[in-house]
Amino acid sequence: MPETDLPPDGSSQQDVFDFLGHGSDGLFPVKQIDTHGAAVFLEGNRALKIKRAVKFPFLDYSTLAKRKTACEQELAVGQRFAPTIYRRVVPITRTDNGALQIGGDGPVMEWAVEMMRFDDSATLDHLARAGSLGPELIDAVADAIAASHLAAPLAASAPWVASIEPILADDTAELAAGGFAADDVSALDRGSRAALGRLRPLLERRGAAGFVRWCHGDLHLANIVILDGKPTLFDAIEFDPIIASVDVLYDLAFPLMDLLHYGRGSDSAQLLNRYLAETADDNFDALSALPLLLSMRAAIRAKVLLARPAADDSIRDANRAIAESYFALALRLIAPPPPRLIAVGGLSGTGKSVLARALSGHVPPLPGAVVLRSDVARKRLYGVADTERLPATAYTPDVTEKVYRGLAERAARILNQGHSVIVDAVFSKPDERQAIEAIAAELAVPFHGVFLTADLDIRIARVSGRIGDASDATPEIVRQQHSYAHGVIGWTTIDAGGTPAETLSRTLAALPQTAQVCST
């Protein structure tokens, strides 16, 4: 297969696009998806991705040889994340009679990455718009991202940290050129640069500790698809490993931010919480970086949408409107409100954990509060799985005091990072409630205590129906708790005998408005 940088017959890349756009055999309609750097042709159960003959500061596809190399790189990177999707690199060749064909031995006109075509409606952006995500799926997505980070090769941290300031400068220039309000662009730039100045030592320490890795790099929701019931990450950055070699929290920031953009604040909060639960504790000490990392992702998304090719004015206007919403989100993310501490107490079966998870996405700053659960903390203390039952000796007063002290210490760590916390525990004793309140007072952050109540028969029924939960509570334990002396409860008491939605609604109504502005 002879290969040249310019087709020998003088044809253009558009000839290849026209050929693929008409289909290889005419049996299936062809759908074309265009981005600034590629064109994807979907036909039957196959997708062919062609690199556009373009050159940008961050990528160069200007010659056929470079496009071949880029296709080979994409195949290698793609198979690392999604081996079932990425099949091979295939040439588009010219036959002796002048026709184009996929494969073949004639002169190479273009190179393509051949992939398995999947159902477009199975990508997370479609599922988010349809409201079809759900807690189990979000947990699975978080697990997939955490696993990809654990398996990702370590990378040098200096290039990543050094790249942030140029990224901010380019964002500012592109957004200003895109016609956004000058004052808003300036505010985003100032806020981002100030945050970088504060965070640079933290980011450098994380690099030295192994948190900078060759990640996916472009993990917005449209690049996560559900295949055979499992989340699959695809379309990772392949053209420059340095661009994809970032802090793992910056990689995570993309889906967190995108969920917020799609109005899925609770899902974003859950994704963060699940990821933190499945990864190193050191990530808790880097939550102060989230506002900058999230805002950068939103600004970059706005910039990319402004540059996206559009076939007509209606598509261009639609891209502009979406870019404006991402830009507005970037502004909001770079100026987070102060954190606060919320404690959710109540006897077993009152629905504390269900409420805490649902409430987290309503508590600023974005994407929501970190939830600390006593049941999980106790299991971690003993080094067992969340669903493994502990013996009675794990519930002595001394052990319980140690669990509560650990929750308070972790809450303080997170609050010191500027991030809100919800602590989920029974809090049946006055000294337990006073201790968690003292953390908020010591750190001068707002505190809100909520104590849930429900009738005994309701609590017994709920505990009896639990499957695969971290709580070891049984109906007998619920009956024993019924005789507890709580002392004077100065927290807001919420009737939790109804549905989870009713309990959440009552709790939100009882909290000050300053504690619930997170949902988007």
Protein backbone atom coordinates (compact mmCIF):
# COMPACT_ATOMS: atom_id res chain seq x y z
CA MET A 1 0.00 0.00 0.00
CA PRO A 2 1.95 3.05 -1.15
CA GLU A 3 1.40 6.07 1.06
CA THR A 4 1.90 9.76 0.45
CA ASP A 5 1.09 12.89 2.42
CA LEU A 6 -0.99 14.12 -0.51
CA PRO A 7 -3.27 11.77 -2.48
CA PRO A 8 -1.54 11.05 -5.82
CA ASP A 9 -4.60 11.96 -7.85
CA GLY A 10 -5.03 15.33 -6.16
CA SER A 11 -8.26 14.34 -4.41
CA SER A 12 -9.13 15.92 -1.09
CA GLN A 13 -10.09 14.51 2.29
CA GLN A 14 -13.63 15.53 1.45
CA ASP A 15 -13.68 12.78 -1.20
CA VAL A 16 -13.15 10.23 1.57
CA PHE A 17 -15.85 11.85 3.68
CA ASP A 18 -18.27 11.73 0.74
CA PHE A 19 -17.45 8.06 0.13
CA LEU A 20 -17.98 7.06 3.75
CA GLY A 21 -21.06 9.26 4.01
CA HIS A 22 -22.78 7.27 1.24
CA GLY A 23 -22.09 3.94 2.94
CA SER A 24 -19.86 1.07 1.95
CA ASP A 25 -22.64 -1.12 0.56
CA GLY A 26 -25.78 0.97 0.71
CA LEU A 27 -27.50 -1.44 3.11
CA PHE A 28 -27.47 0.89 6.11
CA PRO A 29 -27.96 4.64 6.46
CA VAL A 30 -24.86 6.52 7.56
CA LYS A 31 -24.75 9.00 10.42
CA GLN A 32 -21.88 11.48 10.52
CA ILE A 33 -20.65 13.10 13.73
CA ASP A 34 -18.26 16.04 13.40
CA THR A 35 -15.83 17.47 15.92
CA HIS A 36 -13.05 20.01 15.50
CA GLY A 37 -10.50 17.21 15.07
CA ALA A 38 -12.38 14.27 13.60
CA ALA A 39 -15.33 12.96 11.63
CA VAL A 40 -17.04 9.74 12.70
CA PHE A 41 -19.16 7.70 10.30
CA LEU A 42 -21.69 5.32 11.85
CA GLU A 43 -22.96 2.53 9.62
CA GLY A 44 -24.61 -0.67 10.79
CA ASN A 45 -22.62 -2.06 13.72
CA ARG A 46 -19.43 -0.28 12.73
CA ALA A 47 -17.97 3.18 13.33
CA LEU A 48 -15.10 4.65 11.34
CA LYS A 49 -13.27 7.65 12.77
CA ILE A 50 -11.20 9.86 10.46
CA LYS A 51 -8.78 12.48 11.74
CA ARG A 52 -9.40 15.81 10.07
CA ALA A 53 -6.48 17.37 8.18
CA VAL A 54 -6.09 20.16 10.73
CA LYS A 55 -3.36 21.65 12.87
CA PHE A 56 -3.95 23.26 16.27
CA PRO A 57 -1.52 24.30 19.00
CA PHE A 58 -2.39 21.10 20.87
CA LEU A 59 -2.56 18.60 17.95
CA ASP A 60 -1.25 18.20 14.41
CA TYR A 61 -3.13 16.04 11.89
CA SER A 62 -1.92 18.03 8.90
CA THR A 63 -0.33 15.13 6.98
CA LEU A 64 -1.44 11.63 6.11
CA ALA A 65 1.54 10.16 7.97
CA LYS A 66 0.64 12.09 11.11
CA ARG A 67 -2.98 10.98 10.85
CA LYS A 68 -1.88 7.35 10.58
CA THR A 69 0.24 7.73 13.70
CA ALA A 70 -2.67 9.41 15.48
CA CYS A 71 -4.97 6.54 14.54
CA GLU A 72 -2.45 4.01 15.87
CA GLN A 73 -2.14 6.00 19.08
CA GLU A 74 -5.92 6.17 19.46
CA LEU A 75 -6.21 2.42 18.98
CA ALA A 76 -3.58 1.76 21.65
CA VAL A 77 -5.10 4.19 24.14
CA GLY A 78 -8.66 3.19 23.28
CA GLN A 79 -7.98 -0.50 23.85
CA ARG A 80 -6.58 0.39 27.26
CA PHE A 81 -9.95 1.81 28.30
CA ALA A 82 -12.45 0.04 26.02
CA PRO A 83 -11.01 -3.04 24.26
CA THR A 84 -14.46 -4.16 23.12
CA ILE A 85 -15.01 -0.90 21.22
CA TYR A 86 -11.66 -0.33 19.50
CA ARG A 87 -10.94 -2.90 16.77
CA ARG A 88 -8.17 -1.86 14.37
CA VAL A 89 -6.64 0.85 12.18
CA VAL A 90 -7.80 0.46 8.59
CA PRO A 91 -6.76 2.28 5.38
CA ILE A 92 -9.11 3.88 2.90
CA THR A 93 -7.55 3.02 -0.46
CA ARG A 94 -8.02 3.72 -4.15
CA THR A 95 -8.67 0.78 -6.48
CA ASP A 96 -7.29 0.42 -10.00
CA ASN A 97 -10.56 1.75 -11.44
CA GLY A 98 -10.39 4.86 -9.26
CA ALA A 99 -13.01 3.89 -6.68
CA LEU A 100 -12.42 4.20 -2.95
CA GLN A 101 -12.67 1.21 -0.64
CA ILE A 102 -12.21 0.34 3.01
CA GLY A 103 -9.04 -1.75 3.26
CA GLY A 104 -7.45 -3.02 0.09
CA ASP A 105 -3.95 -2.86 -1.37
CA GLY A 106 -4.17 0.31 -3.46
CA PRO A 107 -2.75 3.74 -2.68
CA VAL A 108 -3.77 4.93 0.79
CA MET A 109 -6.04 7.95 0.67
CA GLU A 110 -6.77 8.11 4.39
CA TRP A 111 -6.57 6.18 7.66
CA ALA A 112 -9.42 5.35 10.00
CA VAL A 113 -9.95 3.83 13.42
CA GLU A 114 -12.54 1.09 13.14
CA MET A 115 -14.73 0.71 16.20
CA MET A 116 -17.77 -1.19 17.34
CA ARG A 117 -20.86 0.96 17.02
CA PHE A 118 -23.00 1.14 20.14
CA ASP A 119 -26.41 2.54 20.94
CA ASP A 120 -26.10 6.34 21.11
CA SER A 121 -28.80 6.46 23.77
CA ALA A 122 -26.57 4.47 26.13
CA THR A 123 -24.07 7.29 26.69
CA LEU A 124 -24.32 9.12 29.99
CA ASP A 125 -25.21 12.46 28.43
CA HIS A 126 -28.33 10.88 26.90
CA LEU A 127 -29.16 9.08 30.14
CA ALA A 128 -28.68 12.31 32.11
CA ARG A 129 -31.07 14.19 29.84
CA ALA A 130 -33.60 11.38 30.15
CA GLY A 131 -33.26 11.27 33.95
CA SER A 132 -32.25 7.61 33.71
CA LEU A 133 -29.06 7.45 35.75
CA GLY A 134 -29.93 6.15 39.21
CA PRO A 135 -27.73 5.55 42.28
CA GLU A 136 -26.52 2.08 41.27
CA LEU A 137 -25.33 3.33 37.90
CA ILE A 138 -23.60 6.36 39.41
CA ASP A 139 -21.78 4.08 41.85
CA ALA A 140 -20.70 1.87 38.95
CA VAL A 141 -19.41 4.90 37.03
CA ALA A 142 -17.43 6.05 40.07
CA ASP A 143 -15.98 2.56 40.47
CA ALA A 144 -14.97 2.46 36.80
CA ILE A 145 -13.24 5.84 37.03
CA ALA A 146 -11.49 4.89 40.27
CA ALA A 147 -10.29 1.63 38.71
CA SER A 148 -8.98 3.47 35.65
CA HIS A 149 -7.01 5.83 37.88
CA LEU A 150 -5.56 2.98 39.91
CA ALA A 151 -4.39 1.26 36.71
CA ALA A 152 -3.16 4.44 35.01
CA PRO A 153 0.61 4.86 34.59
CA LEU A 154 2.31 7.39 36.85
CA ALA A 155 3.28 10.63 35.14
CA ALA A 156 5.59 13.54 35.87
CA SER A 157 3.79 16.25 37.81
CA ALA A 158 5.80 19.29 36.71
CA PRO A 159 4.33 19.46 33.16
CA TRP A 160 0.79 19.16 34.54
CA VAL A 161 1.20 21.94 37.10
CA ALA A 162 3.04 24.11 34.58
CA SER A 163 0.26 23.63 32.02
CA ILE A 164 -2.50 25.12 34.17
CA GLU A 165 -1.57 28.77 33.74
CA PRO A 166 -1.37 28.52 29.92
CA ILE A 167 -4.72 26.72 29.93
CA LEU A 168 -6.25 29.58 31.90
CA ALA A 169 -4.70 32.14 29.57
CA ASP A 170 -6.00 30.35 26.49
CA ASP A 171 -9.46 29.99 28.02
CA THR A 172 -9.55 33.71 28.75
CA ALA A 173 -8.47 34.64 25.23
CA GLU A 174 -10.90 32.25 23.51
CA LEU A 175 -13.87 33.15 25.71
CA ALA A 176 -13.22 36.87 25.24
CA ALA A 177 -12.96 36.37 21.48
CA GLY A 178 -16.17 34.36 21.64
CA GLY A 179 -18.13 37.42 22.69
CA PHE A 180 -18.76 36.69 26.35
CA ALA A 181 -19.10 39.71 28.63
CA ALA A 182 -15.67 41.18 29.28
CA ASP A 183 -16.37 41.67 33.00
CA ASP A 184 -17.41 38.03 33.39
CA VAL A 185 -14.39 36.73 31.49
CA SER A 186 -12.14 38.93 33.62
CA ALA A 187 -13.80 37.71 36.83
CA LEU A 188 -13.28 34.08 35.82
CA ASP A 189 -9.65 34.75 34.95
CA ARG A 190 -8.94 36.56 38.23
CA GLY A 191 -10.66 33.92 40.33
CA SER A 192 -8.89 31.08 38.54
CA ARG A 193 -5.44 32.65 38.81
CA ALA A 194 -5.96 33.45 42.49
CA ALA A 195 -7.01 29.85 43.14
CA LEU A 196 -3.99 28.53 41.27
CA GLY A 197 -1.71 30.71 43.36
CA ARG A 198 -3.16 29.21 46.54
CA LEU A 199 -3.25 25.65 45.27
CA ARG A 200 0.08 25.30 43.47
CA PRO A 201 1.92 23.83 46.51
CA LEU A 202 -0.90 21.32 47.06
CA LEU A 203 -0.91 20.26 43.41
CA GLU A 204 2.87 19.84 43.46
CA ARG A 205 2.67 17.71 46.63
CA ARG A 206 0.02 15.52 45.05
CA GLY A 207 2.21 15.04 42.02
CA ALA A 208 5.07 13.90 44.23
CA ALA A 209 2.68 11.52 46.00
CA GLY A 210 1.62 9.77 42.79
CA PHE A 211 -1.72 11.43 42.05
CA VAL A 212 -0.65 12.68 38.61
CA ARG A 213 -1.28 9.87 36.11
CA TRP A 214 -1.87 9.26 32.43
CA CYS A 215 -5.65 9.48 32.70
CA HIS A 216 -8.51 9.46 30.21
CA GLY A 217 -8.29 13.23 29.84
CA ASP A 218 -11.66 13.93 28.19
CA LEU A 219 -14.16 12.30 30.50
CA HIS A 220 -17.34 14.26 29.78
CA LEU A 221 -20.59 12.31 29.92
CA ALA A 222 -20.74 11.67 26.17
CA ASN A 223 -17.51 9.66 26.50
CA ILE A 224 -18.95 7.16 28.97
CA VAL A 225 -21.26 4.46 27.59
CA ILE A 226 -23.12 1.59 29.19
CA LEU A 227 -22.11 -1.69 27.49
CA ASP A 228 -23.51 -4.98 28.76
CA GLY A 229 -24.76 -3.13 31.82
CA LYS A 230 -21.36 -1.71 32.75
CA PRO A 231 -19.92 1.81 32.32
CA THR A 232 -17.19 1.93 29.69
CA LEU A 233 -14.86 4.91 29.24
CA PHE A 234 -13.94 5.65 25.63
CA ASP A 235 -12.55 8.35 23.32
CA ALA A 236 -9.65 9.15 25.64
CA ILE A 237 -7.10 11.77 24.62
CA GLU A 238 -4.53 10.03 22.44
CA PHE A 239 -2.77 12.82 20.58
CA ASP A 240 -0.64 13.98 23.52
CA PRO A 241 -0.04 11.93 26.68
CA ILE A 242 1.11 15.10 28.44
CA ILE A 243 -2.35 16.66 28.06
CA ALA A 244 -3.92 13.54 29.57
CA SER A 245 -1.30 13.29 32.34
CA VAL A 246 -3.09 15.18 35.08
CA ASP A 247 -4.14 14.97 38.69
CA VAL A 248 -6.75 12.23 39.01
CA LEU A 249 -9.14 14.74 40.58
CA TYR A 250 -8.94 16.85 37.42
CA ASP A 251 -9.96 13.78 35.42
CA LEU A 252 -12.84 13.18 37.84
CA ALA A 253 -13.81 16.85 37.67
CA PHE A 254 -15.09 16.48 34.11
CA PRO A 255 -18.00 14.09 34.82
CA LEU A 256 -18.70 15.88 38.11
CA MET A 257 -19.00 19.17 36.25
CA ASP A 258 -20.95 17.69 33.36
CA LEU A 259 -23.54 16.18 35.71
CA LEU A 260 -24.00 19.64 37.21
CA HIS A 261 -24.45 21.09 33.74
CA TYR A 262 -27.19 18.57 33.01
CA GLY A 263 -28.98 19.49 36.23
CA ARG A 264 -28.00 16.27 37.99
CA GLY A 265 -26.60 17.81 41.17
CA SER A 266 -27.48 14.86 43.39
CA ASP A 267 -25.83 12.44 40.97
CA SER A 268 -22.71 14.61 40.90
CA ALA A 269 -22.55 14.62 44.69
CA GLN A 270 -23.00 10.86 44.78
CA LEU A 271 -20.29 10.34 42.16
CA LEU A 272 -17.89 12.38 44.28
CA ASN A 273 -18.79 10.52 47.47
CA ARG A 274 -18.47 7.09 45.91
CA TYR A 275 -15.13 7.97 44.30
CA LEU A 276 -13.76 9.26 47.60
CA ALA A 277 -14.93 6.09 49.34
CA GLU A 278 -13.10 3.91 46.81
CA THR A 279 -9.81 5.82 46.61
CA ALA A 280 -6.98 7.02 48.81
CA ASP A 281 -7.78 9.06 51.91
CA ASP A 282 -5.37 11.73 50.66
CA ASN A 283 -8.06 12.87 48.23
CA PHE A 284 -9.99 14.32 51.18
CA ASP A 285 -7.08 16.70 51.70
CA ALA A 286 -7.31 17.98 48.12
CA LEU A 287 -10.97 18.97 48.04
CA SER A 288 -9.90 22.62 48.15
CA ALA A 289 -8.73 22.14 44.55
CA LEU A 290 -12.16 21.07 43.29
CA PRO A 291 -13.57 24.56 42.60
CA LEU A 292 -10.67 25.40 40.29
CA LEU A 293 -10.60 21.99 38.61
CA LEU A 294 -14.36 21.97 38.06
CA SER A 295 -14.36 25.53 36.76
CA MET A 296 -11.52 24.78 34.35
CA ARG A 297 -13.46 21.84 32.93
CA ALA A 298 -16.56 24.00 32.42
CA ALA A 299 -14.58 26.80 30.77
CA ILE A 300 -12.81 24.40 28.43
CA ARG A 301 -16.14 22.82 27.49
CA ALA A 302 -17.52 26.27 26.67
CA LYS A 303 -14.46 27.06 24.56
CA VAL A 304 -14.66 23.78 22.64
CA LEU A 305 -18.34 24.27 21.87
CA LEU A 306 -17.65 27.71 20.44
CA ALA A 307 -15.12 26.17 18.05
CA ARG A 308 -17.24 23.15 17.09
CA PRO A 309 -18.01 22.90 13.34
CA ALA A 310 -21.65 23.62 12.51
CA ALA A 311 -23.47 22.77 9.31
CA ASP A 312 -25.91 25.67 9.64
CA ASP A 313 -26.84 28.64 11.80
CA SER A 314 -29.33 26.70 13.92
CA ILE A 315 -26.65 24.23 15.03
CA ARG A 316 -24.20 27.08 15.60
CA ASP A 317 -26.77 28.91 17.73
CA ALA A 318 -27.47 25.75 19.73
CA ASN A 319 -23.75 25.25 20.37
CA ARG A 320 -23.52 28.88 21.46
CA ALA A 321 -26.37 28.49 23.94
CA ILE A 322 -24.79 25.40 25.48
CA ALA A 323 -21.41 27.14 25.63
CA GLU A 324 -23.03 30.02 27.51
CA SER A 325 -24.45 27.63 30.09
CA TYR A 326 -21.03 26.04 30.63
CA PHE A 327 -19.46 29.48 30.96
CA ALA A 328 -22.05 30.49 33.56
CA LEU A 329 -21.29 27.28 35.46
CA ALA A 330 -17.55 28.01 35.33
CA LEU A 331 -18.18 31.41 36.92
CA ARG A 332 -20.31 29.87 39.64
CA LEU A 333 -17.80 27.12 40.39
CA ILE A 334 -14.79 29.42 40.80
CA ALA A 335 -16.53 31.38 43.58
CA PRO A 336 -17.77 28.74 46.05
CA PRO A 337 -19.68 29.74 49.20
CA PRO A 338 -18.27 28.84 52.63
CA PRO A 339 -18.69 25.27 53.87
CA ARG A 340 -21.05 24.12 56.58
CA LEU A 341 -21.47 21.06 58.79
CA ILE A 342 -24.73 19.13 58.96
CA ALA A 343 -25.34 16.25 61.35
CA VAL A 344 -28.12 13.74 60.68
CA GLY A 345 -29.06 11.73 63.76
CA GLY A 346 -31.79 9.28 64.68
CA LEU A 347 -32.29 5.70 65.77
CA SER A 348 -31.75 2.77 63.41
CA GLY A 349 -34.41 2.57 60.74
CA THR A 350 -35.29 6.26 60.68
CA GLY A 351 -33.63 6.67 57.28
CA LYS A 352 -30.54 8.68 58.21
CA SER A 353 -28.32 7.31 55.46
CA VAL A 354 -30.99 7.63 52.79
CA LEU A 355 -31.56 11.25 53.79
CA ALA A 356 -27.84 12.05 54.00
CA ARG A 357 -27.22 10.79 50.47
CA ALA A 358 -30.21 12.66 49.08
CA LEU A 359 -29.34 15.82 51.00
CA SER A 360 -25.70 15.95 49.93
CA GLY A 361 -26.47 17.30 46.46
CA HIS A 362 -28.39 20.21 47.99
CA VAL A 363 -25.59 21.43 50.25
CA PRO A 364 -23.06 23.89 48.78
CA PRO A 365 -20.41 24.28 47.61
CA LEU A 366 -20.79 22.30 44.41
CA PRO A 367 -21.00 19.45 43.72
CA GLY A 368 -22.32 18.83 47.23
CA ALA A 369 -21.39 17.72 50.72
CA VAL A 370 -19.18 14.78 51.57
CA VAL A 371 -21.17 12.23 53.58
CA LEU A 372 -19.48 10.50 56.52
CA ARG A 373 -21.43 7.49 57.81
CA SER A 374 -20.74 5.92 61.18
CA ASP A 375 -21.63 2.41 59.97
CA VAL A 376 -19.01 2.61 57.24
CA ALA A 377 -16.43 4.22 59.55
CA ARG A 378 -16.85 1.35 62.02
CA LYS A 379 -16.30 -1.24 59.28
CA ARG A 380 -13.19 0.60 58.07
CA LEU A 381 -11.91 0.68 61.65
CA TYR A 382 -12.02 -3.12 61.66
CA GLY A 383 -10.75 -3.48 58.11
CA VAL A 384 -13.76 -5.39 56.81
CA ALA A 385 -16.10 -4.90 53.87
CA ASP A 386 -19.03 -2.55 54.39
CA THR A 387 -21.52 -5.41 54.26
CA GLU A 388 -19.63 -7.77 56.60
CA ARG A 389 -21.33 -8.11 59.97
CA LEU A 390 -19.25 -7.18 63.02
CA PRO A 391 -19.39 -8.93 66.40
CA ALA A 392 -21.00 -7.35 69.44
CA THR A 393 -17.54 -6.39 70.74
CA ALA A 394 -17.34 -3.84 67.91
CA TYR A 395 -20.23 -1.93 69.50
CA THR A 396 -18.89 -1.33 72.99
CA PRO A 397 -18.98 2.26 74.31
CA ASP A 398 -15.21 2.56 73.89
CA VAL A 399 -15.34 1.52 70.23
CA THR A 400 -18.33 3.75 69.55
CA GLU A 401 -16.51 6.70 71.11
CA LYS A 402 -13.54 5.98 68.85
CA VAL A 403 -15.82 5.87 65.79
CA TYR A 404 -17.42 9.21 66.65
CA ARG A 405 -14.05 10.79 67.34
CA GLY A 406 -12.80 9.59 63.95
CA LEU A 407 -15.87 11.03 62.23
CA ALA A 408 -15.29 14.39 63.90
CA GLU A 409 -11.62 14.43 62.92
CA ARG A 410 -12.39 13.60 59.30
CA ALA A 411 -15.16 16.17 59.20
CA ALA A 412 -12.68 18.80 60.40
CA ARG A 413 -10.20 17.77 57.67
CA ILE A 414 -12.82 18.21 54.98
CA LEU A 415 -14.18 21.48 56.38
CA ASN A 416 -10.64 22.85 56.45
CA GLN A 417 -10.57 22.18 52.70
CA GLY A 418 -13.55 24.49 52.26
CA HIS A 419 -15.95 21.61 51.59
CA SER A 420 -19.21 20.88 53.40
CA VAL A 421 -19.81 17.70 55.38
CA ILE A 422 -22.84 15.66 56.41
CA VAL A 423 -22.20 13.30 59.33
CA ASP A 424 -24.64 10.38 59.51
CA ALA A 425 -24.76 8.66 62.92
CA VAL A 426 -27.26 7.82 65.66
CA PHE A 427 -26.17 10.72 67.91
CA SER A 428 -28.41 9.40 70.67
CA LYS A 429 -26.29 10.82 73.52
CA PRO A 430 -26.02 14.51 74.40
CA ASP A 431 -22.21 14.37 74.52
CA GLU A 432 -22.10 12.92 70.99
CA ARG A 433 -24.20 15.78 69.71
CA GLN A 434 -22.19 18.34 71.62
CA ALA A 435 -18.91 16.97 70.26
CA ILE A 436 -19.93 17.33 66.61
CA GLU A 437 -21.34 20.80 67.26
CA ALA A 438 -18.00 21.75 68.83
CA ILE A 439 -16.18 20.96 65.58
CA ALA A 440 -18.27 23.53 63.75
CA ALA A 441 -17.78 26.09 66.50
CA GLU A 442 -14.02 25.53 66.55
CA LEU A 443 -13.78 26.04 62.79
CA ALA A 444 -16.32 28.87 62.74
CA VAL A 445 -18.57 27.20 60.17
CA PRO A 446 -22.38 27.07 60.27
CA PHE A 447 -23.87 23.99 61.92
CA HIS A 448 -27.27 22.39 61.36
CA GLY A 449 -28.38 19.37 63.38
CA VAL A 450 -31.28 17.20 62.23
CA PHE A 451 -32.74 14.36 64.31
CA LEU A 452 -35.07 11.91 62.57
CA THR A 453 -37.96 10.13 64.25
CA ALA A 454 -40.27 7.32 63.16
CA ASP A 455 -42.62 4.89 64.88
CA LEU A 456 -41.14 1.65 66.19
CA ASP A 457 -43.03 -0.61 63.77
CA ILE A 458 -41.83 1.46 60.80
CA ARG A 459 -38.22 1.28 61.95
CA ILE A 460 -38.41 -2.47 62.51
CA ALA A 461 -39.90 -3.01 59.05
CA ARG A 462 -37.18 -0.93 57.40
CA VAL A 463 -34.34 -2.71 59.19
CA SER A 464 -35.86 -6.11 58.41
CA GLY A 465 -35.90 -5.29 54.71
CA ARG A 466 -32.26 -4.23 54.39
CA ILE A 467 -30.05 -6.15 51.98
CA GLY A 468 -26.36 -5.47 51.37
CA ASP A 469 -26.20 -2.49 53.74
CA ALA A 470 -23.38 -1.34 55.98
CA SER A 471 -25.63 -1.21 59.04
CA ASP A 472 -25.59 -4.18 61.41
CA ALA A 473 -28.85 -3.12 63.05
CA THR A 474 -31.44 -5.86 63.57
CA PRO A 475 -35.08 -5.70 64.71
CA GLU A 476 -33.87 -6.66 68.20
CA ILE A 477 -31.39 -3.77 68.25
CA VAL A 478 -34.15 -1.41 67.12
CA ARG A 479 -36.30 -2.55 70.06
CA GLN A 480 -33.38 -2.00 72.46
CA GLN A 481 -32.79 1.51 71.09
CA HIS A 482 -36.43 2.37 71.69
CA SER A 483 -35.66 2.70 75.40
CA TYR A 484 -32.69 5.05 74.94
CA ALA A 485 -32.71 8.28 76.94
CA HIS A 486 -31.74 10.99 74.46
CA GLY A 487 -31.67 13.94 76.82
CA VAL A 488 -32.72 17.32 75.49
CA ILE A 489 -32.38 17.35 71.69
CA GLY A 490 -31.70 20.86 70.52
CA TRP A 491 -31.56 19.87 66.87
CA THR A 492 -34.40 20.16 64.39
CA THR A 493 -36.63 17.10 64.76
CA ILE A 494 -37.99 15.70 61.51
CA ASP A 495 -40.80 13.16 61.17
CA ALA A 496 -39.21 10.51 58.93
CA GLY A 497 -42.08 8.05 58.97
CA GLY A 498 -43.09 8.78 55.38
CA THR A 499 -41.29 8.31 52.08
CA PRO A 500 -37.65 9.33 51.56
CA ALA A 501 -38.84 12.16 49.30
CA GLU A 502 -41.11 13.47 52.05
CA THR A 503 -38.29 13.34 54.59
CA LEU A 504 -35.97 15.21 52.24
CA SER A 505 -38.63 17.83 51.57
CA ARG A 506 -39.24 18.38 55.29
CA THR A 507 -35.51 18.61 55.96
CA LEU A 508 -34.90 21.12 53.18
CA ALA A 509 -37.80 23.21 54.44
CA ALA A 510 -36.28 23.21 57.92
CA LEU A 511 -32.75 24.14 56.87
CA PRO A 512 -31.78 27.78 56.35
CA GLN A 513 -31.82 28.75 52.67
CA THR A 514 -28.09 29.41 52.84
CA ALA A 515 -27.61 25.68 53.38
CA GLN A 516 -29.38 24.54 50.24
CA VAL A 517 -28.45 26.23 47.01
CA CYS A 518 -26.53 23.42 45.36
CA SER A 519 -29.06 21.77 43.05
CA THR A 520 -28.76 22.91 39.44
